[in-house]
Amino acid sequence: MDKTILHFLQRLQKKIDMSNISDYDKDCNEQIQQCLHPYFEGKISLAQGMDDFYKKMEQLHPELSH
């Protein structure tokens, strides 16, 4: 990666305010990684990974629908 871009991104990183992260945000982050990991390994399709993600999020947060 270009050093100029890297320096720019490092400066921006310091300005990110993580105080508003909710349990929902954390669940989204964890579940998208978990559900798409098999896709990146070539074991399932992207559609299957996303379907797994939607189902898992609906289990964790029943108020959601997709």
C-alpha atoms as a PDB file:
ATOM      1  CA  MET A   1       0.000   0.000   0.000  1.00  0.00           C
ATOM      2  CA  ASP A   2       1.236   3.478  -0.826  1.00  0.00           C
ATOM      3  CA  LYS A   3       2.870   5.124   2.213  1.00  0.00           C
ATOM      4  CA  THR A   4       0.885   8.330   1.664  1.00  0.00           C
ATOM      5  CA  ILE A   5      -2.403   6.455   1.787  1.00  0.00           C
ATOM      6  CA  LEU A   6      -1.287   4.427   4.787  1.00  0.00           C
ATOM      7  CA  HIS A   7      -0.300   7.596   6.669  1.00  0.00           C
ATOM      8  CA  PHE A   8      -3.652   9.176   5.784  1.00  0.00           C
ATOM      9  CA  LEU A   9      -5.580   6.136   7.034  1.00  0.00           C
ATOM     10  CA  GLN A  10      -3.585   6.015  10.260  1.00  0.00           C
ATOM     11  CA  ARG A  11      -4.473   9.659  10.961  1.00  0.00           C
ATOM     12  CA  LEU A  12      -8.147   8.983  10.264  1.00  0.00           C
ATOM     13  CA  GLN A  13      -8.137   5.907  12.490  1.00  0.00           C
ATOM     14  CA  LYS A  14      -7.390   8.068  15.505  1.00  0.00           C
ATOM     15  CA  LYS A  15     -10.566  10.066  14.866  1.00  0.00           C
ATOM     16  CA  ILE A  16     -12.948   7.109  14.853  1.00  0.00           C
ATOM     17  CA  ASP A  17     -15.347   7.311  17.776  1.00  0.00           C
ATOM     18  CA  MET A  18     -16.181   3.800  18.963  1.00  0.00           C
ATOM     19  CA  SER A  19     -18.305   4.956  21.914  1.00  0.00           C
ATOM     20  CA  ASN A  20     -21.557   4.485  20.000  1.00  0.00           C
ATOM     21  CA  ILE A  21     -20.986   0.824  19.139  1.00  0.00           C
ATOM     22  CA  SER A  22     -23.940  -1.254  20.303  1.00  0.00           C
ATOM     23  CA  ASP A  23     -24.372  -4.957  20.980  1.00  0.00           C
ATOM     24  CA  TYR A  24     -26.150  -5.144  17.602  1.00  0.00           C
ATOM     25  CA  ASP A  25     -23.086  -3.664  15.873  1.00  0.00           C
ATOM     26  CA  LYS A  26     -20.816  -6.151  17.631  1.00  0.00           C
ATOM     27  CA  ASP A  27     -23.081  -9.048  16.676  1.00  0.00           C
ATOM     28  CA  CYS A  28     -23.129  -7.921  13.033  1.00  0.00           C
ATOM     29  CA  ASN A  29     -19.357  -7.748  12.942  1.00  0.00           C
ATOM     30  CA  GLU A  30     -18.854 -11.128  14.596  1.00  0.00           C
ATOM     31  CA  GLN A  31     -21.536 -12.944  12.620  1.00  0.00           C
ATOM     32  CA  ILE A  32     -20.586 -11.615   9.176  1.00  0.00           C
ATOM     33  CA  GLN A  33     -17.024 -12.785   9.782  1.00  0.00           C
ATOM     34  CA  GLN A  34     -18.127 -16.172  11.085  1.00  0.00           C
ATOM     35  CA  CYS A  35     -20.710 -16.792   8.375  1.00  0.00           C
ATOM     36  CA  LEU A  36     -18.543 -15.654   5.446  1.00  0.00           C
ATOM     37  CA  HIS A  37     -15.366 -17.424   6.569  1.00  0.00           C
ATOM     38  CA  PRO A  38     -16.381 -20.659   4.784  1.00  0.00           C
ATOM     39  CA  TYR A  39     -17.104 -18.616   1.640  1.00  0.00           C
ATOM     40  CA  PHE A  40     -13.586 -17.163   1.644  1.00  0.00           C
ATOM     41  CA  GLU A  41     -12.233 -20.684   2.048  1.00  0.00           C
ATOM     42  CA  GLY A  42     -14.206 -21.750  -1.044  1.00  0.00           C
ATOM     43  CA  LYS A  43     -16.451 -24.126   0.923  1.00  0.00           C
ATOM     44  CA  ILE A  44     -19.823 -22.392   0.358  1.00  0.00           C
ATOM     45  CA  SER A  45     -21.314 -19.817  -2.002  1.00  0.00           C
ATOM     46  CA  LEU A  46     -21.630 -16.152  -1.129  1.00  0.00           C
ATOM     47  CA  ALA A  47     -25.417 -16.572  -1.212  1.00  0.00           C
ATOM     48  CA  GLN A  48     -25.213 -19.382   1.365  1.00  0.00           C
ATOM     49  CA  GLY A  49     -22.911 -17.336   3.593  1.00  0.00           C
ATOM     50  CA  MET A  50     -25.238 -14.348   3.490  1.00  0.00           C
ATOM     51  CA  ASP A  51     -28.266 -16.560   4.145  1.00  0.00           C
ATOM     52  CA  ASP A  52     -26.474 -18.012   7.180  1.00  0.00           C
ATOM     53  CA  PHE A  53     -25.695 -14.469   8.352  1.00  0.00           C
ATOM     54  CA  TYR A  54     -29.318 -13.330   8.019  1.00  0.00           C
ATOM     55  CA  LYS A  55     -30.598 -16.395   9.869  1.00  0.00           C
ATOM     56  CA  LYS A  56     -28.081 -15.992  12.687  1.00  0.00           C
ATOM     57  CA  MET A  57     -28.867 -12.289  13.095  1.00  0.00           C
ATOM     58  CA  GLU A  58     -32.602 -13.023  13.179  1.00  0.00           C
ATOM     59  CA  GLN A  59     -31.933 -15.575  15.945  1.00  0.00           C
ATOM     60  CA  LEU A  60     -29.864 -13.120  17.946  1.00  0.00           C
ATOM     61  CA  HIS A  61     -32.229 -10.187  17.286  1.00  0.00           C
ATOM     62  CA  PRO A  62     -35.767 -11.507  16.733  1.00  0.00           C
ATOM     63  CA  GLU A  63     -37.012  -7.969  16.076  1.00  0.00           C
ATOM     64  CA  LEU A  64     -35.199  -8.065  12.720  1.00  0.00           C
ATOM     65  CA  SER A  65     -36.561  -9.402   9.464  1.00  0.00           C
ATOM     66  CA  HIS A  66     -35.096  -9.665   6.010  1.00  0.00           C
END
